[in-house]
């Protein structure tokens, strides 16, 4: 008995040590239909330094949440009128950032587990220990205050740098995108993202997920254009063993993998009509069956879809279901192309240069004024994707700290496609790649010659950028020195042939 008493005393001292230290300030709402408990808990947490409000019903608590911000809510699970579980669900809709702690009576632990699944932070059974409750509230409040401080810091960084979840921009068009993301992220509504290829639709989807309460759960992207109808259904819903030829084992689909998180359906316009019908059912019922199975599976998945196609025209042509369209388009976000936000190009260039220099371990670089002007004026048909590719190429190939227009567009048009005409602002040189190809060649032979010419041009430029230093050229192109030399031999490149001399690195 003495040892047990000593152990309990030790645990008590440990709890009190946890509760010592500077008091945290935060807003707390106590909800219980027993007046005595409400008064006791208000006194307990007021002494802790919190600003405490009380309510004796779920309905009264909901009105207070609508009127002001609370960091933490402590609520009884079983109350007259609105239950604690129903209050939790409505609080999650009003303020998803608010943490809810449940107090449960004996025998209601099963319902408490349901509350945890619905988003409750934690629960305590009655009768509860005051010190344990204080400790739980302190830890949850700490987390809440840190989260809100972090969110404010991110907002400050975004305003100062123009960077929002790996997207760059201060234009009015992009600010609208960022504001919409902030509004829809805490909810569970389906979102349809529209925009041309390369505008960053997946970045928008990821930003919505990682700013949502689902952030700790999976984000699963699926490119609907990359699979046939049979394969995309297997990817989405999974299949049972023997469902079709080659189905040698049961396979979990993306819906199961994304349970509790977000499923991103890219290129939704390329989904077959039969698969669209199955997707609509999942959206309506949150249930599906694996291919070859008849057991309904329930999932909790948020759907975000994206397309660069005209879905309205596809509906008129009978190629896309109108009911699915309206299910997906609860909120629509349009990502603007570069030509509609040219004021963002300079910011994007700086961001991509910093990323590329870090990735390739290159010294700091910047565009010359002429190169920046050419960059802003370029059409960028591939949008941010082609701009980023051009910047990465320039960081690798530019010999000095300044990137010229010639480095930037090196043998390519600013839409990322190789061509023989000079890029805006670049000198009048043409790419060797693709020139002199006999139109009578087969496609395969022409392609091999084109790729071979491009590869040779790429390695020659990398060598010239480093003055013939193979070790540095290999490092800047992300290759091992031996692999770089092997490729030189395959392409028949020698330093002497391109007018360079060895630089003492073992050439």
Protein backbone atom coordinates (compact mmCIF):
# COMPACT_ATOMS: atom_id res chain seq x y z
CA UNK A 1 0.00 0.00 0.00
CA UNK A 2 2.89 2.30 0.81
CA UNK A 3 4.47 1.76 -2.63
CA UNK A 4 1.11 2.42 -4.37
CA UNK A 5 0.65 5.60 -2.33
CA UNK A 6 4.16 6.76 -3.25
CA UNK A 7 3.47 6.00 -6.92
CA UNK A 8 0.20 7.99 -6.88
CA UNK A 9 1.98 10.85 -5.17
CA UNK A 10 4.68 10.74 -7.87
CA UNK A 11 2.07 10.85 -10.65
CA UNK A 12 0.35 13.76 -8.88
CA UNK A 13 3.63 15.71 -8.70
CA UNK A 14 4.30 15.01 -12.40
CA UNK A 15 0.85 16.34 -13.34
CA UNK A 16 1.37 19.46 -11.23
CA UNK A 17 4.78 20.06 -12.86
CA UNK A 18 3.06 19.91 -16.25
CA UNK A 19 0.53 22.45 -15.06
CA UNK A 20 3.15 24.86 -13.72
CA UNK A 21 4.64 27.63 -15.84
CA UNK A 22 3.29 30.72 -17.59
CA UNK A 23 -0.46 30.83 -17.99
CA UNK A 24 -1.80 30.72 -21.50
CA UNK A 25 -4.42 33.16 -22.67
CA UNK A 26 -7.15 31.90 -24.92
CA UNK A 27 -10.93 31.86 -25.25
CA UNK A 28 -12.75 28.87 -23.80
CA UNK A 29 -16.44 27.94 -23.96
CA UNK A 30 -17.88 25.54 -21.35
CA UNK A 31 -21.17 23.84 -22.31
CA UNK A 32 -23.23 21.68 -19.92
CA UNK A 33 -26.89 21.56 -18.94
CA UNK A 34 -25.90 21.08 -15.27
CA UNK A 35 -25.46 24.55 -13.78
CA UNK A 36 -23.16 23.32 -10.99
CA UNK A 37 -20.63 21.87 -13.47
CA UNK A 38 -20.68 25.03 -15.59
CA UNK A 39 -19.95 27.24 -12.54
CA UNK A 40 -17.20 24.90 -11.27
CA UNK A 41 -15.42 24.68 -14.63
CA UNK A 42 -15.65 28.42 -15.21
CA UNK A 43 -13.93 29.04 -11.88
CA UNK A 44 -11.30 26.38 -12.57
CA UNK A 45 -10.28 27.75 -15.98
CA UNK A 46 -10.57 31.43 -15.07
CA UNK A 47 -7.83 30.76 -12.50
CA UNK A 48 -5.78 29.24 -15.34
CA UNK A 49 -5.83 32.58 -17.12
CA UNK A 50 -8.33 31.80 -19.87
CA UNK A 51 -11.20 34.01 -20.96
CA UNK A 52 -14.14 31.71 -20.17
CA UNK A 53 -17.72 31.88 -21.46
CA UNK A 54 -20.49 29.42 -20.56
CA UNK A 55 -23.66 27.98 -22.06
CA UNK A 56 -26.26 25.59 -20.62
CA UNK A 57 -27.49 24.17 -23.93
CA UNK A 58 -26.15 23.32 -27.37
CA UNK A 59 -28.38 25.95 -28.96
CA UNK A 60 -27.04 28.69 -26.66
CA UNK A 61 -23.46 27.56 -27.32
CA UNK A 62 -24.02 27.70 -31.07
CA UNK A 63 -25.20 31.31 -30.86
CA UNK A 64 -22.04 32.22 -28.93
CA UNK A 65 -19.83 30.51 -31.53
CA UNK A 66 -21.60 32.50 -34.26
CA UNK A 67 -20.98 35.72 -32.33
CA UNK A 68 -17.27 35.28 -31.60
CA UNK A 69 -14.11 33.22 -31.82
CA UNK A 70 -13.28 30.43 -29.36
CA UNK A 71 -10.07 28.42 -29.33
CA UNK A 72 -11.45 25.47 -27.32
CA UNK A 73 -14.95 24.24 -26.44
CA UNK A 74 -15.61 21.80 -23.58
CA UNK A 75 -19.05 20.24 -23.94
CA UNK A 76 -21.05 17.47 -22.30
CA UNK A 77 -22.00 14.78 -24.79
CA UNK A 78 -25.51 14.10 -23.42
CA UNK A 79 -27.64 17.24 -23.01
CA UNK A 80 -31.30 18.12 -23.34
CA UNK A 81 -32.16 19.43 -26.78
CA UNK A 82 -29.11 19.60 -29.01
CA UNK A 83 -26.59 16.88 -28.12
CA UNK A 84 -22.87 17.46 -27.80
CA UNK A 85 -22.32 15.43 -30.99
CA UNK A 86 -24.70 17.63 -33.00
CA UNK A 87 -23.06 20.74 -31.51
CA UNK A 88 -19.67 19.39 -32.60
CA UNK A 89 -20.84 18.90 -36.19
CA UNK A 90 -22.25 22.42 -36.41
CA UNK A 91 -19.16 23.99 -34.79
CA UNK A 92 -17.00 22.19 -37.37
CA UNK A 93 -18.98 23.92 -40.12
CA UNK A 94 -18.86 27.36 -38.47
CA UNK A 95 -15.22 27.30 -37.30
CA UNK A 96 -13.22 24.20 -38.30
CA UNK A 97 -10.16 25.57 -36.46
CA UNK A 98 -11.89 25.41 -33.07
CA UNK A 99 -10.99 22.35 -30.92
CA UNK A 100 -13.79 20.48 -29.11
CA UNK A 101 -13.31 18.35 -25.98
CA UNK A 102 -16.12 15.97 -24.99
CA UNK A 103 -17.18 15.02 -21.44
CA UNK A 104 -19.04 11.71 -21.43
CA UNK A 105 -21.15 9.87 -18.86
CA UNK A 106 -20.45 6.26 -17.92
CA UNK A 107 -21.38 3.84 -20.71
CA UNK A 108 -21.25 6.39 -23.57
CA UNK A 109 -17.67 5.71 -24.67
CA UNK A 110 -18.93 4.20 -27.94
CA UNK A 111 -20.64 7.49 -28.79
CA UNK A 112 -17.49 9.32 -27.70
CA UNK A 113 -15.51 7.34 -30.28
CA UNK A 114 -18.06 8.48 -32.90
CA UNK A 115 -17.43 12.05 -31.74
CA UNK A 116 -13.68 11.55 -32.25
CA UNK A 117 -14.35 10.36 -35.80
CA UNK A 118 -16.53 13.44 -36.33
CA UNK A 119 -13.64 15.71 -35.34
CA UNK A 120 -13.57 15.96 -31.54
CA UNK A 121 -10.06 16.56 -30.17
CA UNK A 122 -10.43 14.24 -27.16
CA UNK A 123 -12.91 13.05 -24.51
CA UNK A 124 -13.00 12.45 -20.74
CA UNK A 125 -15.42 10.13 -18.92
CA UNK A 126 -17.38 11.34 -15.89
CA UNK A 127 -16.46 11.68 -13.10
CA UNK A 128 -13.33 13.42 -14.38
CA UNK A 129 -10.23 14.52 -12.48
CA UNK A 130 -9.77 18.32 -12.47
CA UNK A 131 -6.00 18.10 -12.89
CA UNK A 132 -6.34 15.75 -15.86
CA UNK A 133 -8.89 18.05 -17.50
CA UNK A 134 -6.68 21.10 -16.89
CA UNK A 135 -3.73 19.31 -18.45
CA UNK A 136 -5.72 18.24 -21.53
CA UNK A 137 -7.10 21.76 -22.02
CA UNK A 138 -3.64 23.29 -21.60
CA UNK A 139 -2.14 21.03 -24.28
CA UNK A 140 -5.02 21.56 -26.71
CA UNK A 141 -4.97 25.34 -26.11
CA UNK A 142 -1.22 25.43 -26.71
CA UNK A 143 -1.70 23.67 -30.03
CA UNK A 144 -4.57 25.95 -31.04
CA UNK A 145 -2.65 29.15 -30.26
CA UNK A 146 0.41 27.87 -32.14
CA UNK A 147 -1.72 26.94 -35.15
CA UNK A 148 -3.32 30.38 -35.30
CA UNK A 149 0.05 32.12 -34.82
CA UNK A 150 1.49 29.98 -37.62
CA UNK A 151 -1.44 30.85 -39.88
CA UNK A 152 -0.91 34.57 -39.21
CA UNK A 153 2.81 34.19 -39.94
CA UNK A 154 2.07 32.43 -43.24
CA UNK A 155 -0.29 35.24 -44.19
CA UNK A 156 2.40 37.82 -43.39
CA UNK A 157 4.96 35.89 -45.48
CA UNK A 158 2.49 35.67 -48.35
CA UNK A 159 1.90 39.40 -48.31
CA UNK A 160 5.63 40.16 -48.20
CA UNK A 161 6.88 37.57 -50.71
CA UNK A 162 3.85 36.88 -52.87
CA UNK A 163 4.22 33.12 -52.19
CA UNK A 164 1.12 31.16 -51.16
CA UNK A 165 1.48 27.36 -50.75
CA UNK A 166 4.14 27.16 -53.55
CA UNK A 167 2.06 29.45 -55.80
CA UNK A 168 3.42 32.87 -56.63
CA UNK A 169 1.48 36.04 -57.36
CA UNK A 170 0.25 39.41 -56.18
CA UNK A 171 -2.03 40.14 -59.12
CA UNK A 172 -5.72 40.67 -58.49
CA UNK A 173 -6.52 37.44 -60.36
CA UNK A 174 -4.25 35.34 -58.13
CA UNK A 175 -5.38 37.10 -54.97
CA UNK A 176 -8.93 35.97 -55.82
CA UNK A 177 -7.66 32.39 -56.15
CA UNK A 178 -5.87 32.56 -52.78
CA UNK A 179 -8.89 34.08 -51.04
CA UNK A 180 -11.18 31.38 -52.44
CA UNK A 181 -8.79 28.64 -51.27
CA UNK A 182 -8.83 30.10 -47.75
CA UNK A 183 -12.64 30.15 -47.74
CA UNK A 184 -13.27 26.64 -49.09
CA UNK A 185 -10.37 24.77 -47.43
CA UNK A 186 -11.99 24.42 -43.97
CA UNK A 187 -15.20 23.03 -45.48
CA UNK A 188 -15.87 19.67 -47.16
CA UNK A 189 -17.47 21.00 -50.35
CA UNK A 190 -16.38 19.57 -53.71
CA UNK A 191 -14.29 21.96 -55.79
CA UNK A 192 -13.84 22.16 -59.56
CA UNK A 193 -10.58 23.78 -60.66
CA UNK A 194 -10.50 25.17 -64.21
CA UNK A 195 -7.47 26.40 -66.12
CA UNK A 196 -5.15 25.88 -69.06
CA UNK A 197 -2.40 23.28 -68.99
CA UNK A 198 0.52 24.30 -66.77
CA UNK A 199 -1.31 26.93 -64.71
CA UNK A 200 -0.92 25.00 -61.44
CA UNK A 201 -4.29 23.31 -60.88
CA UNK A 202 -2.77 20.55 -58.77
CA UNK A 203 -1.02 23.15 -56.61
CA UNK A 204 -4.43 24.71 -55.92
CA UNK A 205 -5.84 21.29 -54.99
CA UNK A 206 -2.92 20.59 -52.64
CA UNK A 207 -3.30 24.02 -51.02
CA UNK A 208 -6.99 23.31 -50.31
CA UNK A 209 -6.12 19.94 -48.77
CA UNK A 210 -3.21 21.11 -46.62
CA UNK A 211 -5.22 24.07 -45.28
CA UNK A 212 -8.15 21.83 -44.39
CA UNK A 213 -8.91 19.72 -41.30
CA UNK A 214 -7.94 16.73 -43.48
CA UNK A 215 -4.33 17.90 -43.79
CA UNK A 216 -2.95 14.97 -41.76
CA UNK A 217 -4.77 12.45 -43.92
CA UNK A 218 -3.76 11.36 -47.46
CA UNK A 219 -3.87 13.54 -50.57
CA UNK A 220 -4.27 11.11 -53.50
CA UNK A 221 -3.98 12.45 -57.08
CA UNK A 222 -5.37 10.47 -60.02
CA UNK A 223 -4.88 11.49 -63.66
CA UNK A 224 -8.08 10.33 -65.35
CA UNK A 225 -6.52 10.77 -68.81
CA UNK A 226 -3.72 8.28 -68.07
CA UNK A 227 -5.93 5.17 -67.91
CA UNK A 228 -8.47 3.35 -70.07
CA UNK A 229 -12.03 3.03 -68.75
CA UNK A 230 -11.35 -0.41 -67.27
CA UNK A 231 -8.10 0.65 -65.65
CA UNK A 232 -9.37 3.96 -64.25
CA UNK A 233 -12.25 2.12 -62.52
CA UNK A 234 -9.76 -0.33 -61.03
CA UNK A 235 -7.57 2.61 -59.94
CA UNK A 236 -10.48 4.39 -58.30
CA UNK A 237 -12.54 1.56 -56.81
CA UNK A 238 -10.08 -1.34 -56.62
CA UNK A 239 -10.92 -4.90 -57.66
CA UNK A 240 -11.44 -8.36 -56.26
CA UNK A 241 -9.25 -11.33 -57.12
CA UNK A 242 -10.35 -12.80 -60.46
CA UNK A 243 -12.48 -9.78 -61.41
CA UNK A 244 -10.77 -9.72 -64.84
CA UNK A 245 -7.78 -11.23 -66.61
CA UNK A 246 -4.66 -10.33 -64.64
CA UNK A 247 -6.48 -9.63 -61.36
CA UNK A 248 -4.44 -12.17 -59.40
CA UNK A 249 -5.15 -10.57 -56.01
CA UNK A 250 -7.53 -8.14 -54.32
CA UNK A 251 -6.45 -4.54 -54.88
CA UNK A 252 -7.36 -1.45 -52.84
CA UNK A 253 -8.52 1.51 -54.93
CA UNK A 254 -7.72 5.20 -54.57
CA UNK A 255 -11.01 5.89 -52.77
CA UNK A 256 -10.01 3.50 -49.99
CA UNK A 257 -6.47 4.90 -49.91
CA UNK A 258 -7.87 8.44 -49.57
CA UNK A 259 -10.33 7.60 -46.77
CA UNK A 260 -10.40 10.54 -44.35
CA UNK A 261 -8.44 12.68 -46.81
CA UNK A 262 -8.75 14.17 -50.30
CA UNK A 263 -8.99 12.55 -53.74
CA UNK A 264 -7.82 14.82 -56.58
CA UNK A 265 -9.28 13.84 -59.96
CA UNK A 266 -7.16 15.57 -62.59
CA UNK A 267 -8.36 15.77 -66.22
CA UNK A 268 -11.89 14.85 -65.14
CA UNK A 269 -13.15 15.66 -68.66
CA UNK A 270 -11.39 12.55 -69.97
CA UNK A 271 -13.36 10.20 -67.71
CA UNK A 272 -15.66 7.76 -69.53
CA UNK A 273 -19.43 8.19 -69.12
CA UNK A 274 -19.79 4.80 -67.39
CA UNK A 275 -17.17 5.76 -64.82
CA UNK A 276 -18.82 9.17 -64.38
CA UNK A 277 -22.03 7.39 -63.32
CA UNK A 278 -20.16 5.39 -60.66
CA UNK A 279 -18.36 8.51 -59.43
CA UNK A 280 -21.70 10.31 -59.09
CA UNK A 281 -22.99 7.51 -56.87
CA UNK A 282 -19.95 7.76 -54.59
CA UNK A 283 -20.43 11.52 -54.30
CA UNK A 284 -24.08 11.04 -53.37
CA UNK A 285 -23.79 8.06 -51.04
CA UNK A 286 -20.09 7.87 -50.04
CA UNK A 287 -20.33 4.15 -50.91
CA UNK A 288 -19.00 1.94 -53.73
CA UNK A 289 -18.09 -1.66 -54.59
CA UNK A 290 -14.78 -2.96 -55.87
CA UNK A 291 -14.83 -4.32 -59.42
CA UNK A 292 -16.00 -7.92 -59.21
CA UNK A 293 -17.35 -7.43 -55.69
CA UNK A 294 -20.81 -6.91 -54.22
CA UNK A 295 -19.92 -5.70 -50.72
CA UNK A 296 -20.61 -1.94 -50.32
CA UNK A 297 -17.67 -0.04 -48.86
CA UNK A 298 -18.15 3.28 -47.04
CA UNK A 299 -15.58 6.06 -47.29
CA UNK A 300 -15.15 9.62 -46.06
CA UNK A 301 -13.40 11.35 -48.96
CA UNK A 302 -13.36 14.93 -50.18
CA UNK A 303 -13.36 15.25 -53.98
CA UNK A 304 -11.45 17.97 -55.84
CA UNK A 305 -11.55 17.80 -59.64
CA UNK A 306 -9.67 19.70 -62.33
CA UNK A 307 -9.91 20.13 -66.09
CA UNK A 308 -8.65 22.27 -68.95
CA UNK A 309 -11.64 21.30 -71.12
CA UNK A 310 -14.93 23.07 -71.84
CA UNK A 311 -17.25 20.86 -69.77
CA UNK A 312 -20.33 22.87 -70.76
CA UNK A 313 -19.69 22.09 -74.44
CA UNK A 314 -19.06 18.44 -73.57
CA UNK A 315 -22.42 18.31 -71.75
CA UNK A 316 -24.15 19.67 -74.87
CA UNK A 317 -22.40 16.97 -76.94
CA UNK A 318 -23.42 14.22 -74.49
CA UNK A 319 -19.81 13.53 -73.47
CA UNK A 320 -20.13 14.65 -69.83
CA UNK A 321 -22.93 14.12 -67.33
CA UNK A 322 -24.73 17.30 -66.33
CA UNK A 323 -25.67 15.94 -62.88
CA UNK A 324 -22.01 15.10 -62.16
CA UNK A 325 -20.96 18.55 -63.40
CA UNK A 326 -23.15 20.29 -60.82
CA UNK A 327 -22.05 17.88 -58.09
CA UNK A 328 -18.42 18.75 -58.76
CA UNK A 329 -18.98 22.46 -59.28
CA UNK A 330 -20.18 23.37 -55.80
CA UNK A 331 -17.29 25.85 -55.81
CA UNK A 332 -15.36 26.67 -58.97
CA UNK A 333 -11.83 28.10 -58.98
CA UNK A 334 -10.38 29.40 -62.24
CA UNK A 335 -6.58 29.58 -62.35
CA UNK A 336 -5.55 32.38 -64.75
CA UNK A 337 -2.91 31.85 -67.46
CA UNK A 338 0.29 33.91 -67.41
CA UNK A 339 -0.94 36.25 -70.17
CA UNK A 340 -3.67 37.46 -67.78
CA UNK A 341 -1.25 38.19 -64.92
CA UNK A 342 1.99 39.41 -66.44
CA UNK A 343 2.62 41.55 -63.34
CA UNK A 344 3.40 38.27 -61.53
CA UNK A 345 6.12 37.10 -63.95
CA UNK A 346 9.04 38.88 -62.22
CA UNK A 347 8.02 37.36 -58.86
CA UNK A 348 7.68 33.92 -60.44
CA UNK A 349 11.11 34.23 -62.08
CA UNK A 350 12.77 35.13 -58.76
CA UNK A 351 11.00 32.23 -57.02
CA UNK A 352 11.96 29.70 -59.71
CA UNK A 353 15.58 30.90 -59.82
CA UNK A 354 15.92 30.51 -56.04
CA UNK A 355 14.43 27.00 -56.24
CA UNK A 356 16.65 25.96 -59.16
CA UNK A 357 19.86 27.33 -57.60
CA UNK A 358 19.15 25.38 -54.44
CA UNK A 359 18.21 22.22 -56.33
CA UNK A 360 21.28 22.25 -58.58
CA UNK A 361 23.66 23.65 -55.93
CA UNK A 362 24.37 26.61 -58.20
CA UNK A 363 25.51 30.10 -57.08
CA UNK A 364 22.92 32.88 -56.89
CA UNK A 365 21.86 34.18 -60.30
CA UNK A 366 19.60 36.84 -61.74
CA UNK A 367 18.17 37.82 -65.12
CA UNK A 368 19.60 40.72 -67.06
CA UNK A 369 17.06 43.55 -67.62
CA UNK A 370 16.77 42.50 -71.28
CA UNK A 371 16.10 38.87 -70.29
CA UNK A 372 13.49 39.90 -67.73
CA UNK A 373 11.74 42.09 -70.31
CA UNK A 374 11.75 39.20 -72.81
CA UNK A 375 10.44 36.90 -70.09
CA UNK A 376 7.51 39.19 -69.27
CA UNK A 377 6.64 39.64 -72.96
CA UNK A 378 6.91 35.97 -73.94
CA UNK A 379 3.67 34.06 -74.69
CA UNK A 380 4.39 31.10 -72.35
CA UNK A 381 1.81 28.82 -73.93
CA UNK A 382 2.72 26.21 -71.32
CA UNK A 383 2.20 28.79 -68.56
CA UNK A 384 4.04 28.37 -65.23
CA UNK A 385 5.27 24.90 -66.17
CA UNK A 386 7.15 26.10 -69.25
CA UNK A 387 8.43 29.23 -67.46
CA UNK A 388 9.84 27.07 -64.67
CA UNK A 389 11.48 24.70 -67.19
CA UNK A 390 13.11 27.63 -69.00
CA UNK A 391 14.46 29.03 -65.71
CA UNK A 392 15.90 25.67 -64.68
CA UNK A 393 17.60 25.31 -68.08
CA UNK A 394 19.05 28.81 -67.80
CA UNK A 395 20.39 28.23 -64.28
CA UNK A 396 22.20 25.10 -65.53
CA UNK A 397 23.54 26.56 -68.77
CA UNK A 398 24.35 30.20 -67.93
CA UNK A 399 28.13 30.55 -67.40
CA UNK A 400 28.01 33.45 -64.95
CA UNK A 401 25.88 35.12 -62.31
CA UNK A 402 23.66 36.79 -64.93
CA UNK A 403 21.15 34.97 -67.10
CA UNK A 404 20.74 36.39 -70.60
CA UNK A 405 17.79 35.96 -72.93
CA UNK A 406 19.94 33.58 -74.98
CA UNK A 407 20.52 31.40 -71.89
CA UNK A 408 16.84 31.57 -71.04
CA UNK A 409 15.44 30.46 -74.38
CA UNK A 410 18.49 28.45 -75.56
CA UNK A 411 17.19 27.00 -78.83
CA UNK A 412 13.55 26.92 -77.71
CA UNK A 413 10.47 29.01 -78.08
CA UNK A 414 9.14 30.35 -74.73
CA UNK A 415 6.28 27.87 -74.84
CA UNK A 416 8.75 25.07 -74.20
CA UNK A 417 8.67 23.61 -77.75
CA UNK A 418 11.86 23.38 -79.76
CA UNK A 419 11.91 25.54 -82.87
CA UNK A 420 14.42 27.17 -85.12
CA UNK A 421 13.20 30.75 -84.76
CA UNK A 422 14.84 32.97 -82.12
CA UNK A 423 13.05 33.71 -78.85
CA UNK A 424 11.99 37.25 -77.89
CA UNK A 425 14.98 39.28 -76.81
CA UNK A 426 17.47 36.55 -77.76
CA UNK A 427 20.25 36.88 -80.32
CA UNK A 428 19.64 35.59 -83.84
CA UNK A 429 20.94 32.04 -83.32
CA UNK A 430 19.07 28.87 -84.22
CA UNK A 431 18.93 25.46 -82.63
CA UNK A 432 20.85 22.66 -84.23
CA UNK A 433 18.24 20.26 -82.89
CA UNK A 434 15.72 19.33 -85.53
CA UNK A 435 17.47 21.08 -88.44
CA UNK A 436 18.27 19.18 -91.60
CA UNK A 437 15.96 16.26 -90.85
CA UNK A 438 14.94 14.56 -94.07
CA UNK A 439 11.13 14.69 -94.35
CA UNK A 440 11.27 11.34 -96.12
CA UNK A 441 12.49 9.66 -92.90
CA UNK A 442 10.12 7.49 -90.90
CA UNK A 443 8.70 9.01 -87.72
CA UNK A 444 10.89 6.80 -85.54
CA UNK A 445 14.08 7.64 -87.45
CA UNK A 446 13.26 11.37 -87.46
CA UNK A 447 12.51 11.30 -83.73
CA UNK A 448 15.80 9.51 -82.95
CA UNK A 449 17.75 12.06 -84.98
CA UNK A 450 15.92 14.99 -83.38
CA UNK A 451 16.48 13.71 -79.82
CA UNK A 452 20.11 12.87 -80.58
CA UNK A 453 20.77 16.37 -81.96
CA UNK A 454 19.08 17.95 -78.94
CA UNK A 455 21.08 15.84 -76.48
CA UNK A 456 24.35 16.75 -78.18
CA UNK A 457 23.43 20.44 -78.13
CA UNK A 458 22.53 20.21 -74.41
CA UNK A 459 25.86 18.61 -73.40
CA UNK A 460 27.91 20.96 -75.58
CA UNK A 461 26.25 23.97 -73.92
CA UNK A 462 26.81 22.51 -70.44
CA UNK A 463 30.51 22.05 -71.21
CA UNK A 464 30.88 25.54 -72.66
CA UNK A 465 29.10 27.00 -69.62
CA UNK A 466 31.85 25.55 -67.39
CA UNK A 467 34.75 26.26 -69.76
CA UNK A 468 35.32 22.54 -70.41
CA UNK A 469 35.35 21.42 -66.75
CA UNK A 470 33.59 18.04 -66.95
CA UNK A 471 33.21 17.64 -63.18
CA UNK A 472 31.43 20.98 -62.85
CA UNK A 473 29.31 20.35 -65.95
CA UNK A 474 28.20 16.99 -64.55
CA UNK A 475 27.37 18.52 -61.15
CA UNK A 476 25.34 21.35 -62.69
CA UNK A 477 23.31 18.97 -64.84
CA UNK A 478 22.60 16.67 -61.89
CA UNK A 479 24.72 13.76 -63.18
CA UNK A 480 27.62 11.71 -61.90
CA UNK A 481 30.92 12.53 -63.64
CA UNK A 482 31.28 8.98 -64.99
CA UNK A 483 27.74 9.06 -66.43
CA UNK A 484 28.41 12.45 -68.02
CA UNK A 485 31.62 11.15 -69.65
CA UNK A 486 29.83 8.01 -70.86
CA UNK A 487 27.16 10.19 -72.50
CA UNK A 488 29.89 12.31 -74.14
CA UNK A 489 31.36 9.13 -75.64
CA UNK A 490 27.94 7.96 -76.87
CA UNK A 491 27.32 11.34 -78.54
CA UNK A 492 30.87 11.57 -79.93
CA UNK A 493 31.70 14.79 -78.05
CA UNK A 494 35.30 15.71 -77.31
CA UNK A 495 36.55 18.97 -75.83
CA UNK A 496 38.87 19.49 -78.77
CA UNK A 497 36.00 19.15 -81.25
CA UNK A 498 34.09 21.99 -79.59
CA UNK A 499 37.12 24.24 -79.18
CA UNK A 500 37.75 23.69 -75.47
CA UNK A 501 40.79 22.58 -73.52
CA UNK A 502 40.86 20.31 -70.43
CA UNK A 503 40.65 22.18 -67.08
CA UNK A 504 42.79 19.86 -64.96
CA UNK A 505 39.94 17.74 -63.64
CA UNK A 506 41.19 14.49 -65.12
CA UNK A 507 40.02 14.97 -68.71
